[in-house]
Amino acid sequence: TMPQGGIENEKMPCRTIDFPKTALVIAATNQKRDGTEMVRILLSKGADPSELTSAGVDEKTLSLGMKYWIDKARRIGIPPRDELLHMANLPPMDRIHELDYAVVGEEAAVSVIQEALAGRFGNPQGNSKPL
């Protein structure tokens, strides 16, 4: 039987090759292509940066860009699941947390935009114009 988390090596069938478990780990550790943009996108969609620690990724070896987005994701946190489910019914609020990953820096400006969008679209009654 094959152990979980690995694939059998064709040349040595009794040995396994372990592979990363999540898209975030794969993007961060890809040796053939720079995965910085994919790391940013995955974090914007709610990937958990702790997956890297769990997978044993040495973050000191990651690019400066990846370190920036991972640090930012740890600082702002992942939106709670119940909040994401609630926002899913209020487009464009379902993607408002992605604004944090749209620009480097400018956190104050992003916060102002998020507040304005929340005021306009976060309240279904706010969507209608006054009579």
Foldseek 3Di string as FASTA:
>chain_A
DDDPQWDADPVHRVDTDGDQDDPLLCLQPPPPDNSLVVNLVVLLVFDQLCSCVVRVHDCVPGDPSNVQSSVLCVVVDGPDPVVLVLLVVFPPSNRLSSLSSPDDDPPVVSVVVSVVCCQQGVDVVNVDDDD
